[in-house]
Structures are given as structure tokens and as C-alpha cells.
Amino acid sequence: RSLGRTGWIMSSEIKVDTISEKTSANGVVIDGVTVKDGAIASSFISGLSSAGLTKLADTDFSGASDVTFDSVFSSTYRNYRITIYTENANNNTEFNFRFRDGGGDISASNYNVAAMYGLSSSATPFANKVTYGQGVTAGAIASGMGQNTPYNFSVDVWDANIAHETSSFAIGSNANGHTFLASNSYNAATQLTGIKFFQSAGNITGSIQIYGYDT
């Protein structure tokens, strides 16, 4: 401790090998954070804001006619990331979806969709197969899909549980290296709570995960 022009200046440094808790065994408090048995107290961790993706649902399916998720969209998260692995039983079909609310599937003619793909064997981009439409009854993630071929997609859904239009974008590829893009919107002011995936014909096998995140 030394005396400066404006008063006492405090500075100190403590060097120790071990800080032990007292006999009450409640841990050691350092700058308001409790450390107990080599871990930070859960009460402190629970108060931290989470970052990144939070998994909300995860399912595997085999030979299914559809895969349905309820109560995955809520006010907790504004946006959602969906990862999809799928194989379909029928050739030249579409991988579709419908949003859900408390009353079930939403099949009203409020979906706008443009789905396209480019072949790895073709120099012409996205001219091989196009599904599009305004005011249709379902969205599409991929079109012109091959039979019993592995496909992987990443889908972002924005503002799902907010009472205005919801948009989404999907990107993916398959075992042949083809590229798939799909842009969708549900053009109605609806608070969505779930989503159902299905093939336009035939059954599907694979896995789907849904994550929540904020921007």
C-alpha cells in the first residue's frame, strides 16, 4: 500500500497453491461465482444466456408415410434449423412438408414454393427439374428425387411462431453429388407450432433433428 497524490492506492497479489472451502462444505466463492468440487455451481450456469443451436427434437424413422413434430415452434426461439437425412421408396418424387398448428396439418393454399436441382454431370445449373407454384397446399424441400438414394438437407425456418408470414430455405445434396435448393413461404399470419414431412409418393427412411436459435 502506498500514498499517492489523491489518496491511498491499493494493490495486492496473492499467490497460493490451494484455496480450500470452509467446514460448511458449500464451496468457494470467487467474485460471486461458487466453485464446488471442481465445478461451477449449476445456479450460476443456468443464469447464463445460451448461444448457438439448441436441439428441440430428434427422431429416426424407417418405412414411414410421414414424420410429424408437434410443439417444436414456440416463443422461446425466433428461428429454427432442421437437419434431414432421408431415402425414399419411389422414383422421381418430391420431399414435401406442411406446417402445423394446434388444429393439426395446415393444408390451406397459402404455400409458395420454388424447388430446383442441378446434376453433377451437367454444366447447366438448376435446369433439370423445377417444382414451383404460388398458393399451393404444401411446401417442397426437394424435387425429382431418385429411388433408394441417400439425401441430406439443411433447412432454415424463420419466424415460425410469430403471427405473420413464415419463410424457409433448404439446401442439400445426395449420394450422386447433385445440388438441391428450395425456397418456401407460408403466406398467412399464422403462429405455427409444428411441421410434418412426407414424400409425394411412397415411404421414407432416415432421421431428422430440429434446433432453435435466435439472431
Protein backbone atom coordinates (compact mmCIF):
# COMPACT_ATOMS: atom_id res chain seq x y z
CA ARG A 1 0.00 0.00 0.00
CA SER A 2 1.31 3.44 -0.92
CA LEU A 3 0.09 7.04 -0.65
CA GLY A 4 -0.46 8.83 -3.98
CA ARG A 5 -1.38 12.45 -4.69
CA THR A 6 -5.11 11.73 -4.36
CA GLY A 7 -5.03 9.24 -1.50
CA TRP A 8 -4.18 5.66 -0.78
CA ILE A 9 -3.56 3.36 -3.76
CA MET A 10 -4.37 -0.27 -3.02
CA SER A 11 -2.67 -3.07 -4.92
CA SER A 12 -2.11 -6.66 -3.90
CA GLU A 13 -1.34 -10.09 -5.27
CA ILE A 14 -1.86 -13.39 -3.50
CA LYS A 15 -0.06 -16.48 -4.72
CA VAL A 16 -1.21 -19.80 -3.27
CA ASP A 17 -1.22 -23.41 -4.36
CA THR A 18 -4.66 -24.31 -2.98
CA ILE A 19 -7.83 -22.49 -1.93
CA SER A 20 -9.91 -24.79 0.28
CA GLU A 21 -13.56 -24.42 1.24
CA LYS A 22 -14.53 -23.91 4.83
CA THR A 23 -16.04 -26.58 7.06
CA SER A 24 -19.60 -25.85 5.89
CA ALA A 25 -18.58 -27.52 2.60
CA ASN A 26 -20.62 -25.13 0.45
CA GLY A 27 -17.78 -24.42 -1.94
CA VAL A 28 -15.53 -21.41 -2.52
CA VAL A 29 -16.97 -18.10 -3.74
CA ILE A 30 -14.74 -16.17 -6.14
CA ASP A 31 -16.10 -12.84 -7.38
CA GLY A 32 -19.67 -14.04 -6.88
CA VAL A 33 -19.18 -17.44 -8.56
CA THR A 34 -19.33 -20.57 -6.42
CA VAL A 35 -16.84 -23.32 -7.22
CA LYS A 36 -17.62 -26.65 -5.60
CA ASP A 37 -15.70 -29.93 -6.09
CA GLY A 38 -14.04 -28.81 -9.32
CA ALA A 39 -17.27 -27.50 -10.91
CA ILE A 40 -19.12 -24.19 -11.16
CA ALA A 41 -22.44 -24.13 -9.32
CA SER A 42 -25.42 -25.00 -11.55
CA SER A 43 -27.32 -21.94 -10.27
CA PHE A 44 -24.71 -19.74 -11.95
CA ILE A 45 -24.63 -21.73 -15.19
CA SER A 46 -28.44 -21.69 -15.52
CA GLY A 47 -28.35 -17.91 -15.45
CA LEU A 48 -26.07 -17.67 -18.47
CA SER A 49 -27.58 -16.92 -21.87
CA SER A 50 -27.22 -19.81 -24.30
CA ALA A 51 -25.61 -19.37 -27.70
CA GLY A 52 -25.78 -21.39 -30.88
CA LEU A 53 -28.28 -24.12 -31.67
CA THR A 54 -30.46 -25.82 -29.06
CA LYS A 55 -31.75 -29.26 -30.01
CA LEU A 56 -35.52 -29.49 -29.63
CA ALA A 57 -36.33 -32.77 -31.38
CA ASP A 58 -34.51 -35.78 -32.81
CA THR A 59 -36.06 -38.85 -34.40
CA ASP A 60 -35.17 -41.83 -36.58
CA PHE A 61 -37.76 -43.40 -38.89
CA SER A 62 -37.99 -46.35 -41.27
CA GLY A 63 -40.62 -47.05 -43.94
CA ALA A 64 -42.74 -44.16 -42.64
CA SER A 65 -45.53 -42.49 -44.56
CA ASP A 66 -44.72 -39.21 -42.79
CA VAL A 67 -42.76 -37.76 -39.86
CA THR A 68 -44.56 -35.28 -37.60
CA PHE A 69 -43.25 -32.85 -34.97
CA ASP A 70 -45.63 -31.01 -32.64
CA SER A 71 -44.85 -28.22 -30.16
CA VAL A 72 -41.36 -27.57 -31.55
CA PHE A 73 -42.02 -23.96 -32.64
CA SER A 74 -42.67 -21.57 -29.76
CA SER A 75 -41.92 -18.08 -28.50
CA THR A 76 -38.67 -19.36 -26.95
CA TYR A 77 -36.84 -19.20 -30.29
CA ARG A 78 -37.49 -16.99 -33.27
CA ASN A 79 -35.77 -19.17 -35.90
CA TYR A 80 -35.12 -22.87 -36.46
CA ARG A 81 -32.58 -25.13 -38.20
CA ILE A 82 -33.69 -28.57 -39.41
CA THR A 83 -31.20 -31.24 -40.50
CA ILE A 84 -32.54 -34.12 -42.57
CA TYR A 85 -31.23 -37.45 -43.80
CA THR A 86 -33.75 -39.31 -45.95
CA GLU A 87 -34.18 -42.05 -48.53
CA ASN A 88 -37.43 -42.52 -50.43
CA ALA A 89 -39.00 -45.67 -51.84
CA ASN A 90 -40.37 -44.19 -55.09
CA ASN A 91 -38.54 -42.66 -58.04
CA ASN A 92 -38.92 -39.07 -59.31
CA THR A 93 -40.85 -37.79 -56.31
CA GLU A 94 -40.82 -34.71 -54.04
CA PHE A 95 -39.92 -34.38 -50.38
CA ASN A 96 -42.67 -32.14 -49.02
CA PHE A 97 -43.78 -30.56 -45.77
CA ARG A 98 -46.79 -28.94 -44.17
CA PHE A 99 -46.72 -26.71 -41.13
CA ARG A 100 -48.96 -27.49 -38.17
CA ASP A 101 -50.85 -25.51 -35.54
CA GLY A 102 -52.98 -26.59 -32.59
CA GLY A 103 -55.57 -28.00 -35.01
CA GLY A 104 -53.20 -30.26 -37.00
CA ASP A 105 -51.78 -30.02 -40.51
CA ILE A 106 -52.20 -26.73 -42.36
CA SER A 107 -53.17 -27.64 -45.92
CA ALA A 108 -54.66 -24.31 -46.96
CA SER A 109 -53.50 -22.97 -50.33
CA ASN A 110 -51.05 -20.48 -48.80
CA TYR A 111 -47.69 -22.08 -49.64
CA ASN A 112 -45.36 -20.55 -52.19
CA VAL A 113 -42.52 -22.79 -53.36
CA ALA A 114 -39.62 -22.97 -55.81
CA ALA A 115 -37.52 -26.16 -55.66
CA MET A 116 -34.77 -26.99 -58.16
CA TYR A 117 -31.73 -29.17 -58.55
CA GLY A 118 -28.54 -29.32 -60.58
CA LEU A 119 -26.86 -32.51 -61.73
CA SER A 120 -23.18 -33.08 -61.03
CA SER A 121 -22.95 -34.47 -64.58
CA SER A 122 -24.40 -31.35 -66.21
CA ALA A 123 -22.84 -27.94 -66.89
CA THR A 124 -26.32 -26.37 -66.94
CA PRO A 125 -27.26 -25.27 -63.42
CA PHE A 126 -30.73 -25.90 -61.99
CA ALA A 127 -32.46 -26.64 -65.29
CA ASN A 128 -33.02 -30.34 -64.73
CA LYS A 129 -36.12 -30.34 -62.56
CA VAL A 130 -38.11 -27.46 -61.13
CA THR A 131 -41.13 -27.54 -58.84
CA TYR A 132 -42.78 -24.19 -58.32
CA GLY A 133 -46.10 -22.61 -57.51
CA GLN A 134 -47.95 -19.95 -55.57
CA GLY A 135 -50.99 -20.73 -53.49
CA VAL A 136 -50.31 -24.48 -53.28
CA THR A 137 -51.16 -26.82 -50.40
CA ALA A 138 -47.64 -27.90 -49.29
CA GLY A 139 -44.04 -26.78 -49.32
CA ALA A 140 -41.20 -28.70 -51.01
CA ILE A 141 -37.62 -29.35 -49.93
CA ALA A 142 -36.52 -31.37 -52.95
CA SER A 143 -37.93 -32.47 -56.30
CA GLY A 144 -37.02 -35.12 -58.86
CA MET A 145 -35.59 -37.41 -56.18
CA GLY A 146 -34.13 -40.81 -57.04
CA GLN A 147 -35.32 -44.06 -55.53
CA ASN A 148 -33.41 -45.53 -52.55
CA THR A 149 -30.76 -42.79 -52.74
CA PRO A 150 -29.35 -41.05 -49.62
CA TYR A 151 -30.19 -37.32 -49.39
CA ASN A 152 -29.10 -34.75 -46.80
CA PHE A 153 -30.63 -31.32 -46.28
CA SER A 154 -30.26 -28.31 -44.02
CA VAL A 155 -33.39 -26.16 -43.70
CA ASP A 156 -33.76 -22.77 -42.00
CA VAL A 157 -37.25 -21.68 -40.93
CA TRP A 158 -37.66 -18.04 -39.92
CA ASP A 159 -40.36 -16.52 -37.66
CA ALA A 160 -42.31 -19.75 -37.34
CA ASN A 161 -44.22 -18.90 -34.16
CA ILE A 162 -44.83 -15.23 -34.96
CA ALA A 163 -48.21 -14.15 -36.36
CA HIS A 164 -47.04 -13.13 -39.82
CA GLU A 165 -45.72 -14.84 -42.95
CA THR A 166 -43.11 -17.58 -42.43
CA SER A 167 -40.33 -18.24 -44.92
CA SER A 168 -37.74 -21.01 -45.23
CA PHE A 169 -34.78 -22.05 -47.34
CA ALA A 170 -33.35 -25.54 -47.90
CA ILE A 171 -30.03 -26.65 -49.32
CA GLY A 172 -28.77 -30.18 -49.78
CA SER A 173 -27.12 -32.88 -51.84
CA ASN A 174 -27.38 -36.60 -52.49
CA ALA A 175 -25.09 -39.58 -52.99
CA ASN A 176 -24.55 -38.57 -56.62
CA GLY A 177 -23.32 -35.08 -55.73
CA HIS A 178 -26.38 -33.33 -57.14
CA THR A 179 -27.25 -29.93 -55.64
CA PHE A 180 -30.72 -29.11 -54.30
CA LEU A 181 -32.16 -25.69 -53.43
CA ALA A 182 -35.67 -24.81 -52.28
CA SER A 183 -37.27 -21.54 -51.22
CA ASN A 184 -40.65 -21.62 -49.46
CA SER A 185 -43.06 -19.33 -47.69
CA TYR A 186 -46.33 -19.77 -45.86
CA ASN A 187 -48.15 -16.61 -46.85
CA ALA A 188 -50.53 -16.20 -43.92
CA ALA A 189 -50.30 -14.59 -40.48
CA THR A 190 -50.27 -17.84 -38.50
CA GLN A 191 -48.42 -18.83 -35.34
CA LEU A 192 -47.02 -22.21 -36.34
CA THR A 193 -46.27 -24.86 -33.71
CA GLY A 194 -45.14 -27.92 -35.69
CA ILE A 195 -44.22 -29.44 -39.04
CA LYS A 196 -44.87 -32.69 -40.94
CA PHE A 197 -42.56 -34.16 -43.61
CA PHE A 198 -43.73 -36.62 -46.28
CA GLN A 199 -42.90 -37.87 -49.74
CA SER A 200 -45.27 -37.07 -52.60
CA ALA A 201 -45.46 -40.85 -53.16
CA GLY A 202 -44.08 -43.78 -51.19
CA ASN A 203 -42.47 -44.14 -47.75
CA ILE A 204 -39.33 -42.57 -46.31
CA THR A 205 -36.47 -43.76 -44.10
CA GLY A 206 -33.94 -41.57 -42.29
CA SER A 207 -33.51 -39.14 -39.39
CA ILE A 208 -34.48 -35.54 -38.64
CA GLN A 209 -33.24 -33.08 -35.98
CA ILE A 210 -34.77 -29.69 -35.16
CA TYR A 211 -32.84 -26.91 -33.41
CA GLY A 212 -33.91 -23.50 -32.14
CA TYR A 213 -31.79 -20.36 -32.44
CA ASP A 214 -32.04 -16.56 -32.33
CA THR A 215 -30.34 -13.98 -34.50
